[in-house]
Amino acid sequence: MRFKIIGVLVLSTLWIFVPAQAAGQPETGDGGSALFDRLSRDLMCLCGCNSTIKSCPHTDCGYAIPARKKIMEMVGDGKTYDEVVAAFVSERGEVALASPRKEGFNLVGYAMPFFALALAAVAVATLAARWAKQGATAHPAGRNNEPAERPGPDNGALAEKLKKELEEFE
């Protein structure tokens, strides 16, 4: 019974949500819908929602709706992907792109996570090796499950005192 209720709720949510999503996207009758989808995924909505033009959550967005129309007009005029992107970048700058171009200084943004990960791995390996070496030199008798002797002049006196107290304890 529980699964039937959950299924009905999921289907009713999809029945309401899917047509609302489809209504916000313009249709192309000439086969340019794939190019439109790619462009609307690769260009940012600049209304402040931090989403792409395709996934802008605002139903009355002041930027995404005109941008979708502009993309549709440019695709309808036969413009290529690069021409449409260049037009948006020339109008709004690099912030119009959903991801930075893979050229120039932007390559640092693509390479830095991998470099930082490698650097962190080297640092962890170095620290682990150093700690292991310090542990081996600090407690050499600890490896053979033998107690390490404490340095100091009273070691023998302390051992005798310990034996005496243990005998009295039993």
N, C-alpha and C. Protein backbone atom coordinates (compact mmCIF):
# COMPACT_ATOMS: atom_id res chain seq x y z
N MET A 1 0.83 -1.20 0.00
CA MET A 1 0.00 0.00 0.00
C MET A 1 0.87 1.26 0.00
N ARG A 2 1.95 1.19 0.78
CA ARG A 2 2.84 2.34 0.87
C ARG A 2 3.46 2.66 -0.49
N PHE A 3 3.86 1.59 -1.23
CA PHE A 3 4.48 1.80 -2.53
C PHE A 3 3.49 2.37 -3.55
N LYS A 4 2.23 2.02 -3.45
CA LYS A 4 1.23 2.59 -4.35
C LYS A 4 1.07 4.08 -4.11
N ILE A 5 1.06 4.49 -2.85
CA ILE A 5 0.92 5.91 -2.52
C ILE A 5 2.14 6.68 -3.02
N ILE A 6 3.33 6.13 -2.78
CA ILE A 6 4.55 6.80 -3.24
C ILE A 6 4.57 6.88 -4.76
N GLY A 7 4.15 5.81 -5.44
CA GLY A 7 4.11 5.83 -6.90
C GLY A 7 3.15 6.88 -7.44
N VAL A 8 1.98 7.00 -6.81
CA VAL A 8 1.01 8.00 -7.24
C VAL A 8 1.56 9.41 -7.02
N LEU A 9 2.23 9.64 -5.89
CA LEU A 9 2.81 10.95 -5.63
C LEU A 9 3.90 11.30 -6.63
N VAL A 10 4.76 10.32 -6.96
CA VAL A 10 5.82 10.57 -7.92
C VAL A 10 5.25 10.86 -9.30
N LEU A 11 4.29 10.07 -9.73
CA LEU A 11 3.70 10.30 -11.05
C LEU A 11 2.97 11.63 -11.12
N SER A 12 2.26 11.99 -10.06
CA SER A 12 1.55 13.28 -10.09
C SER A 12 2.54 14.44 -10.09
N THR A 13 3.65 14.29 -9.39
CA THR A 13 4.68 15.34 -9.40
C THR A 13 5.28 15.47 -10.79
N LEU A 14 5.58 14.34 -11.43
CA LEU A 14 6.12 14.39 -12.79
C LEU A 14 5.10 14.96 -13.77
N TRP A 15 3.84 14.64 -13.57
CA TRP A 15 2.80 15.12 -14.47
C TRP A 15 2.69 16.65 -14.40
N ILE A 16 2.94 17.21 -13.23
CA ILE A 16 2.88 18.67 -13.08
C ILE A 16 4.20 19.30 -13.49
N PHE A 17 5.34 18.70 -13.12
CA PHE A 17 6.65 19.31 -13.29
C PHE A 17 7.14 19.27 -14.73
N VAL A 18 7.00 18.17 -15.43
CA VAL A 18 7.55 18.03 -16.78
C VAL A 18 6.94 19.00 -17.78
N PRO A 19 5.61 19.17 -17.84
CA PRO A 19 5.08 20.16 -18.78
C PRO A 19 5.52 21.58 -18.43
N ALA A 20 5.70 21.90 -17.15
CA ALA A 20 6.15 23.24 -16.77
C ALA A 20 7.58 23.47 -17.26
N GLN A 21 8.43 22.48 -17.21
CA GLN A 21 9.79 22.61 -17.70
C GLN A 21 9.79 22.76 -19.22
N ALA A 22 8.98 21.99 -19.89
CA ALA A 22 8.96 22.04 -21.35
C ALA A 22 8.40 23.36 -21.85
N ALA A 23 7.49 23.98 -21.10
CA ALA A 23 6.90 25.24 -21.53
C ALA A 23 7.90 26.36 -21.52
N GLY A 24 8.93 26.29 -20.71
CA GLY A 24 9.92 27.34 -20.62
C GLY A 24 10.97 27.29 -21.71
N GLN A 25 10.98 26.25 -22.55
CA GLN A 25 11.99 26.11 -23.57
C GLN A 25 11.35 26.25 -24.96
N PRO A 26 11.89 27.14 -25.76
CA PRO A 26 11.34 27.29 -27.10
C PRO A 26 11.66 26.09 -27.98
N GLU A 27 10.79 25.83 -28.90
CA GLU A 27 10.96 24.71 -29.82
C GLU A 27 11.55 25.22 -31.14
N THR A 28 12.28 24.38 -31.80
CA THR A 28 12.77 24.71 -33.12
C THR A 28 12.18 23.72 -34.09
N GLY A 29 11.70 24.19 -35.17
CA GLY A 29 11.09 23.31 -36.14
C GLY A 29 12.05 22.86 -37.21
N ASP A 30 13.27 23.40 -37.23
CA ASP A 30 14.19 23.10 -38.33
C ASP A 30 15.33 22.18 -37.93
N GLY A 31 15.22 21.47 -36.81
CA GLY A 31 16.28 20.55 -36.42
C GLY A 31 17.40 21.23 -35.66
N GLY A 32 17.28 22.50 -35.29
CA GLY A 32 18.32 23.21 -34.54
C GLY A 32 18.17 23.05 -33.05
N SER A 33 17.28 22.15 -32.61
CA SER A 33 17.05 22.00 -31.17
C SER A 33 18.29 21.46 -30.47
N ALA A 34 19.07 20.61 -31.12
CA ALA A 34 20.28 20.09 -30.49
C ALA A 34 21.29 21.22 -30.29
N LEU A 35 21.43 22.09 -31.27
CA LEU A 35 22.33 23.23 -31.14
C LEU A 35 21.81 24.20 -30.09
N PHE A 36 20.52 24.42 -30.06
CA PHE A 36 19.92 25.28 -29.03
C PHE A 36 20.16 24.72 -27.64
N ASP A 37 19.96 23.41 -27.47
CA ASP A 37 20.18 22.79 -26.17
C ASP A 37 21.64 22.92 -25.74
N ARG A 38 22.54 22.69 -26.67
CA ARG A 38 23.97 22.80 -26.33
C ARG A 38 24.33 24.23 -25.94
N LEU A 39 23.85 25.19 -26.69
CA LEU A 39 24.15 26.59 -26.39
C LEU A 39 23.53 27.03 -25.06
N SER A 40 22.30 26.61 -24.81
CA SER A 40 21.64 27.03 -23.58
C SER A 40 22.25 26.34 -22.35
N ARG A 41 22.93 25.22 -22.55
CA ARG A 41 23.66 24.57 -21.44
C ARG A 41 25.02 25.22 -21.23
N ASP A 42 25.64 25.75 -22.29
CA ASP A 42 26.99 26.28 -22.20
C ASP A 42 27.05 27.77 -21.90
N LEU A 43 25.92 28.44 -21.87
CA LEU A 43 25.88 29.87 -21.56
C LEU A 43 25.17 30.10 -20.23
N MET A 44 25.70 31.00 -19.44
CA MET A 44 25.16 31.26 -18.10
C MET A 44 24.01 32.26 -18.16
N CYS A 45 23.08 32.06 -17.24
CA CYS A 45 22.03 33.04 -17.02
C CYS A 45 22.62 34.09 -16.08
N LEU A 46 22.51 35.34 -16.43
CA LEU A 46 23.14 36.40 -15.65
C LEU A 46 22.14 37.17 -14.80
N CYS A 47 21.05 36.51 -14.43
CA CYS A 47 20.06 37.17 -13.57
C CYS A 47 20.46 37.07 -12.10
N GLY A 48 21.48 36.27 -11.80
CA GLY A 48 21.93 36.10 -10.43
C GLY A 48 21.59 34.75 -9.85
N CYS A 49 20.97 33.87 -10.63
CA CYS A 49 20.57 32.56 -10.12
C CYS A 49 21.72 31.56 -10.14
N ASN A 50 22.82 31.90 -10.82
CA ASN A 50 23.99 31.04 -10.91
C ASN A 50 23.66 29.72 -11.61
N SER A 51 22.81 29.77 -12.61
CA SER A 51 22.43 28.60 -13.40
C SER A 51 22.73 28.89 -14.87
N THR A 52 22.59 27.87 -15.69
CA THR A 52 22.73 28.09 -17.12
C THR A 52 21.41 28.64 -17.67
N ILE A 53 21.45 29.08 -18.88
CA ILE A 53 20.23 29.61 -19.50
C ILE A 53 19.16 28.53 -19.58
N LYS A 54 19.58 27.30 -19.83
CA LYS A 54 18.63 26.20 -19.93
C LYS A 54 17.98 25.88 -18.59
N SER A 55 18.74 25.95 -17.50
CA SER A 55 18.21 25.51 -16.20
C SER A 55 17.89 26.65 -15.26
N CYS A 56 17.68 27.84 -15.75
CA CYS A 56 17.32 28.96 -14.89
C CYS A 56 15.98 28.66 -14.22
N PRO A 57 15.93 28.73 -12.88
CA PRO A 57 14.70 28.34 -12.18
C PRO A 57 13.59 29.39 -12.20
N HIS A 58 13.89 30.59 -12.65
CA HIS A 58 12.89 31.65 -12.64
C HIS A 58 11.97 31.56 -13.86
N THR A 59 10.69 31.57 -13.61
CA THR A 59 9.74 31.45 -14.72
C THR A 59 9.63 32.74 -15.53
N ASP A 60 9.84 33.87 -14.88
CA ASP A 60 9.80 35.17 -15.57
C ASP A 60 11.17 35.83 -15.54
N CYS A 61 12.20 35.10 -15.90
CA CYS A 61 13.57 35.61 -15.81
C CYS A 61 13.77 36.72 -16.83
N GLY A 62 14.35 37.80 -16.38
CA GLY A 62 14.60 38.94 -17.25
C GLY A 62 15.80 38.75 -18.15
N TYR A 63 16.60 37.73 -17.92
CA TYR A 63 17.75 37.48 -18.78
C TYR A 63 17.59 36.21 -19.61
N ALA A 64 17.16 35.12 -18.98
CA ALA A 64 17.12 33.83 -19.67
C ALA A 64 16.11 33.80 -20.81
N ILE A 65 14.95 34.38 -20.60
CA ILE A 65 13.91 34.33 -21.65
C ILE A 65 14.36 35.11 -22.89
N PRO A 66 14.84 36.36 -22.76
CA PRO A 66 15.34 37.04 -23.97
C PRO A 66 16.57 36.35 -24.56
N ALA A 67 17.42 35.76 -23.71
CA ALA A 67 18.60 35.06 -24.22
C ALA A 67 18.20 33.84 -25.03
N ARG A 68 17.19 33.11 -24.56
CA ARG A 68 16.70 31.95 -25.32
C ARG A 68 16.17 32.38 -26.68
N LYS A 69 15.42 33.49 -26.68
CA LYS A 69 14.89 34.00 -27.96
C LYS A 69 16.02 34.42 -28.89
N LYS A 70 17.04 35.06 -28.32
CA LYS A 70 18.17 35.50 -29.14
C LYS A 70 18.92 34.30 -29.71
N ILE A 71 19.10 33.27 -28.89
CA ILE A 71 19.76 32.05 -29.37
C ILE A 71 18.94 31.43 -30.49
N MET A 72 17.63 31.36 -30.30
CA MET A 72 16.76 30.78 -31.33
C MET A 72 16.85 31.57 -32.64
N GLU A 73 16.86 32.90 -32.55
CA GLU A 73 16.97 33.72 -33.75
C GLU A 73 18.30 33.49 -34.46
N MET A 74 19.38 33.44 -33.67
CA MET A 74 20.70 33.25 -34.26
C MET A 74 20.85 31.86 -34.89
N VAL A 75 20.30 30.84 -34.23
CA VAL A 75 20.34 29.49 -34.80
C VAL A 75 19.47 29.44 -36.05
N GLY A 76 18.33 30.13 -36.01
CA GLY A 76 17.45 30.18 -37.18
C GLY A 76 18.09 30.90 -38.36
N ASP A 77 18.97 31.88 -38.06
CA ASP A 77 19.68 32.61 -39.12
C ASP A 77 20.86 31.83 -39.67
N GLY A 78 21.11 30.64 -39.11
CA GLY A 78 22.20 29.80 -39.62
C GLY A 78 23.53 30.03 -38.93
N LYS A 79 23.54 30.69 -37.81
CA LYS A 79 24.79 30.92 -37.09
C LYS A 79 25.30 29.60 -36.48
N THR A 80 26.59 29.46 -36.39
CA THR A 80 27.19 28.27 -35.82
C THR A 80 27.32 28.44 -34.30
N TYR A 81 27.70 27.37 -33.66
CA TYR A 81 27.89 27.38 -32.21
C TYR A 81 28.90 28.46 -31.81
N ASP A 82 30.04 28.47 -32.49
CA ASP A 82 31.10 29.42 -32.15
C ASP A 82 30.66 30.87 -32.37
N GLU A 83 29.89 31.11 -33.40
CA GLU A 83 29.42 32.48 -33.67
C GLU A 83 28.46 32.96 -32.59
N VAL A 84 27.57 32.08 -32.14
CA VAL A 84 26.62 32.47 -31.09
C VAL A 84 27.36 32.72 -29.79
N VAL A 85 28.29 31.84 -29.45
CA VAL A 85 29.06 32.01 -28.22
C VAL A 85 29.87 33.30 -28.29
N ALA A 86 30.49 33.56 -29.43
CA ALA A 86 31.28 34.79 -29.60
C ALA A 86 30.40 36.02 -29.44
N ALA A 87 29.17 35.97 -29.93
CA ALA A 87 28.27 37.12 -29.79
C ALA A 87 27.93 37.36 -28.32
N PHE A 88 27.65 36.31 -27.56
CA PHE A 88 27.34 36.48 -26.14
C PHE A 88 28.57 36.95 -25.36
N VAL A 89 29.74 36.42 -25.70
CA VAL A 89 30.96 36.83 -25.00
C VAL A 89 31.30 38.28 -25.32
N SER A 90 31.12 38.69 -26.56
CA SER A 90 31.42 40.09 -26.91
C SER A 90 30.44 41.05 -26.25
N GLU A 91 29.22 40.59 -26.01
CA GLU A 91 28.20 41.44 -25.38
C GLU A 91 28.37 41.50 -23.86
N ARG A 92 28.62 40.36 -23.21
CA ARG A 92 28.65 40.30 -21.74
C ARG A 92 30.02 39.96 -21.15
N GLY A 93 30.94 39.48 -21.96
CA GLY A 93 32.25 39.09 -21.44
C GLY A 93 32.31 37.60 -21.14
N GLU A 94 33.42 37.20 -20.52
CA GLU A 94 33.65 35.79 -20.22
C GLU A 94 32.65 35.23 -19.21
N VAL A 95 31.98 36.09 -18.45
CA VAL A 95 31.01 35.60 -17.45
C VAL A 95 29.81 34.95 -18.12
N ALA A 96 29.63 35.17 -19.40
CA ALA A 96 28.51 34.56 -20.12
C ALA A 96 28.72 33.07 -20.34
N LEU A 97 29.96 32.59 -20.17
CA LEU A 97 30.26 31.18 -20.39
C LEU A 97 30.05 30.38 -19.12
N ALA A 98 29.49 29.18 -19.26
CA ALA A 98 29.28 28.31 -18.11
C ALA A 98 30.59 27.73 -17.60
N SER A 99 31.56 27.55 -18.46
CA SER A 99 32.89 27.09 -18.05
C SER A 99 33.92 27.91 -18.81
N PRO A 100 35.06 28.19 -18.18
CA PRO A 100 36.06 29.01 -18.85
C PRO A 100 36.64 28.30 -20.07
N ARG A 101 37.09 29.08 -21.01
CA ARG A 101 37.72 28.50 -22.21
C ARG A 101 39.02 27.83 -21.83
N LYS A 102 39.36 26.77 -22.54
CA LYS A 102 40.58 26.02 -22.25
C LYS A 102 41.74 26.61 -23.04
N GLU A 103 42.12 27.82 -22.65
CA GLU A 103 43.21 28.51 -23.33
C GLU A 103 43.81 29.54 -22.38
N GLY A 104 45.05 29.86 -22.60
CA GLY A 104 45.71 30.90 -21.82
C GLY A 104 45.78 30.59 -20.34
N PHE A 105 45.55 31.62 -19.53
CA PHE A 105 45.64 31.48 -18.09
C PHE A 105 44.53 30.60 -17.53
N ASN A 106 43.44 30.42 -18.25
CA ASN A 106 42.35 29.56 -17.78
C ASN A 106 42.80 28.11 -17.61
N LEU A 107 43.86 27.72 -18.29
CA LEU A 107 44.37 26.36 -18.15
C LEU A 107 44.81 26.09 -16.71
N VAL A 108 45.22 27.14 -16.00
CA VAL A 108 45.61 26.97 -14.59
C VAL A 108 44.41 26.45 -13.79
N GLY A 109 43.24 26.96 -14.08
CA GLY A 109 42.04 26.51 -13.38
C GLY A 109 41.71 25.06 -13.64
N TYR A 110 42.03 24.58 -14.81
CA TYR A 110 41.78 23.17 -15.12
C TYR A 110 42.87 22.28 -14.54
N ALA A 111 44.12 22.75 -14.51
CA ALA A 111 45.24 21.92 -14.07
C ALA A 111 45.46 21.97 -12.56
N MET A 112 45.08 23.06 -11.90
CA MET A 112 45.40 23.25 -10.49
C MET A 112 44.83 22.16 -9.57
N PRO A 113 43.60 21.69 -9.74
CA PRO A 113 43.13 20.63 -8.84
C PRO A 113 43.98 19.37 -8.90
N PHE A 114 44.42 18.99 -10.08
CA PHE A 114 45.25 17.79 -10.22
C PHE A 114 46.63 18.03 -9.61
N PHE A 115 47.17 19.22 -9.80
CA PHE A 115 48.47 19.55 -9.22
C PHE A 115 48.38 19.56 -7.70
N ALA A 116 47.33 20.14 -7.15
CA ALA A 116 47.15 20.20 -5.70
C ALA A 116 46.97 18.79 -5.13
N LEU A 117 46.25 17.94 -5.82
CA LEU A 117 46.05 16.57 -5.37
C LEU A 117 47.37 15.81 -5.34
N ALA A 118 48.19 15.97 -6.38
CA ALA A 118 49.49 15.31 -6.43
C ALA A 118 50.41 15.85 -5.33
N LEU A 119 50.39 17.15 -5.12
CA LEU A 119 51.20 17.76 -4.06
C LEU A 119 50.78 17.25 -2.69
N ALA A 120 49.49 17.15 -2.45
CA ALA A 120 48.99 16.64 -1.17
C ALA A 120 49.39 15.18 -0.97
N ALA A 121 49.35 14.37 -2.03
CA ALA A 121 49.75 12.97 -1.92
C ALA A 121 51.23 12.85 -1.57
N VAL A 122 52.07 13.68 -2.19
CA VAL A 122 53.50 13.66 -1.88
C VAL A 122 53.73 14.10 -0.44
N ALA A 123 53.02 15.12 0.01
CA ALA A 123 53.17 15.60 1.39
C ALA A 123 52.75 14.54 2.40
N VAL A 124 51.65 13.86 2.15
CA VAL A 124 51.19 12.81 3.06
C VAL A 124 52.18 11.65 3.08
N ALA A 125 52.68 11.25 1.93
CA ALA A 125 53.66 10.16 1.87
C ALA A 125 54.94 10.54 2.60
N THR A 126 55.41 11.78 2.43
CA THR A 126 56.62 12.23 3.11
C THR A 126 56.42 12.25 4.62
N LEU A 127 55.30 12.79 5.08
CA LEU A 127 55.03 12.83 6.51
C LEU A 127 54.90 11.43 7.10
N ALA A 128 54.23 10.55 6.40
CA ALA A 128 54.07 9.18 6.90
C ALA A 128 55.43 8.48 7.00
N ALA A 129 56.28 8.68 6.01
CA ALA A 129 57.61 8.07 6.05
C ALA A 129 58.43 8.65 7.20
N ARG A 130 58.34 9.96 7.40
CA ARG A 130 59.08 10.61 8.49
C ARG A 130 58.58 10.11 9.85
N TRP A 131 57.28 10.01 10.01
CA TRP A 131 56.72 9.54 11.29
C TRP A 131 57.10 8.08 11.54
N ALA A 132 57.07 7.28 10.50
CA ALA A 132 57.45 5.87 10.66
C ALA A 132 58.92 5.75 11.06
N LYS A 133 59.76 6.58 10.45
CA LYS A 133 61.19 6.55 10.78
C LYS A 133 61.41 7.01 12.21
N GLN A 134 60.71 8.06 12.65
CA GLN A 134 60.84 8.54 14.02
C GLN A 134 60.35 7.50 15.02
N GLY A 135 59.28 6.82 14.69
CA GLY A 135 58.76 5.78 15.58
C GLY A 135 59.72 4.62 15.70
N ALA A 136 60.39 4.26 14.63
CA ALA A 136 61.33 3.13 14.65
C ALA A 136 62.57 3.47 15.46
N THR A 137 63.05 4.71 15.40
CA THR A 137 64.25 5.08 16.14
C THR A 137 63.93 5.42 17.59
N ALA A 138 62.75 5.86 17.90
CA ALA A 138 62.40 6.24 19.27
C ALA A 138 62.13 5.02 20.14
N HIS A 139 61.58 3.96 19.58
CA HIS A 139 61.22 2.77 20.34
C HIS A 139 61.74 1.52 19.64
N PRO A 140 63.05 1.28 19.65
CA PRO A 140 63.56 0.11 18.93
C PRO A 140 63.16 -1.20 19.57
N ALA A 141 63.01 -1.23 20.91
CA ALA A 141 62.65 -2.48 21.55
C ALA A 141 61.17 -2.79 21.40
N GLY A 142 60.38 -1.83 21.07
CA GLY A 142 58.95 -2.01 20.92
C GLY A 142 58.58 -2.91 19.75
N ARG A 143 59.49 -3.11 18.83
CA ARG A 143 59.18 -3.94 17.67
C ARG A 143 59.07 -5.41 18.04
N ASN A 144 59.87 -5.87 18.99
CA ASN A 144 59.88 -7.28 19.36
C ASN A 144 58.98 -7.56 20.55
N ASN A 145 58.09 -6.67 20.83
CA ASN A 145 57.18 -6.76 21.98
C ASN A 145 57.94 -6.81 23.30
N GLU A 146 59.12 -6.27 23.32
CA GLU A 146 59.89 -6.16 24.55
C GLU A 146 59.73 -4.73 25.07
N PRO A 147 59.61 -4.58 26.36
CA PRO A 147 59.47 -3.21 26.87
C PRO A 147 60.76 -2.43 26.67
N ALA A 148 60.64 -1.20 26.29
CA ALA A 148 61.80 -0.34 26.12
C ALA A 148 62.27 0.12 27.49
N GLU A 149 63.56 0.14 27.67
CA GLU A 149 64.10 0.59 28.96
C GLU A 149 64.09 2.10 28.99
N ARG A 150 63.76 2.61 30.16
CA ARG A 150 63.77 4.06 30.32
C ARG A 150 65.18 4.50 30.69
N PRO A 151 65.63 5.53 30.05
CA PRO A 151 66.95 6.03 30.43
C PRO A 151 66.86 6.75 31.77
N GLY A 152 67.91 6.66 32.53
CA GLY A 152 67.94 7.38 33.79
C GLY A 152 68.68 6.60 34.85
N PRO A 153 69.13 7.28 35.87
CA PRO A 153 69.94 6.62 36.90
C PRO A 153 69.12 5.73 37.84
N ASP A 154 67.83 5.97 38.02
CA ASP A 154 67.02 5.24 38.99
C ASP A 154 66.27 4.07 38.38
N ASN A 155 66.67 3.61 37.21
CA ASN A 155 65.93 2.55 36.54
C ASN A 155 65.92 1.27 37.37
N GLY A 156 67.04 0.90 37.94
CA GLY A 156 67.11 -0.31 38.75
C GLY A 156 66.30 -0.18 40.02
N ALA A 157 66.34 0.97 40.67
CA ALA A 157 65.60 1.20 41.91
C ALA A 157 64.10 1.17 41.63
N LEU A 158 63.69 1.74 40.51
CA LEU A 158 62.27 1.74 40.17
C LEU A 158 61.78 0.33 39.87
N ALA A 159 62.61 -0.46 39.21
CA ALA A 159 62.23 -1.84 38.91
C ALA A 159 62.05 -2.65 40.19
N GLU A 160 62.96 -2.46 41.14
CA GLU A 160 62.84 -3.17 42.42
C GLU A 160 61.59 -2.73 43.16
N LYS A 161 61.31 -1.44 43.16
CA LYS A 161 60.11 -0.92 43.84
C LYS A 161 58.86 -1.49 43.21
N LEU A 162 58.85 -1.59 41.87
CA LEU A 162 57.69 -2.12 41.16
C LEU A 162 57.48 -3.59 41.51
N LYS A 163 58.55 -4.39 41.53
CA LYS A 163 58.43 -5.80 41.89
C LYS A 163 57.89 -5.96 43.30
N LYS A 164 58.38 -5.15 44.22
CA LYS A 164 57.94 -5.22 45.62
C LYS A 164 56.46 -4.90 45.75
N GLU A 165 56.02 -3.85 45.05
CA GLU A 165 54.61 -3.45 45.11
C GLU A 165 53.70 -4.48 44.47
N LEU A 166 54.18 -5.11 43.39
CA LEU A 166 53.35 -6.13 42.73
C LEU A 166 53.23 -7.37 43.61
N GLU A 167 54.29 -7.73 44.32
CA GLU A 167 54.21 -8.87 45.23
C GLU A 167 53.25 -8.59 46.37
N GLU A 168 53.27 -7.39 46.89
CA GLU A 168 52.36 -7.02 47.98
C GLU A 168 50.90 -6.96 47.49
N PHE A 169 50.73 -6.62 46.25
CA PHE A 169 49.39 -6.47 45.67
C PHE A 169 48.69 -7.82 45.57
N GLU A 170 49.43 -8.84 45.24
CA GLU A 170 48.83 -10.17 45.05
C GLU A 170 48.56 -10.75 46.35
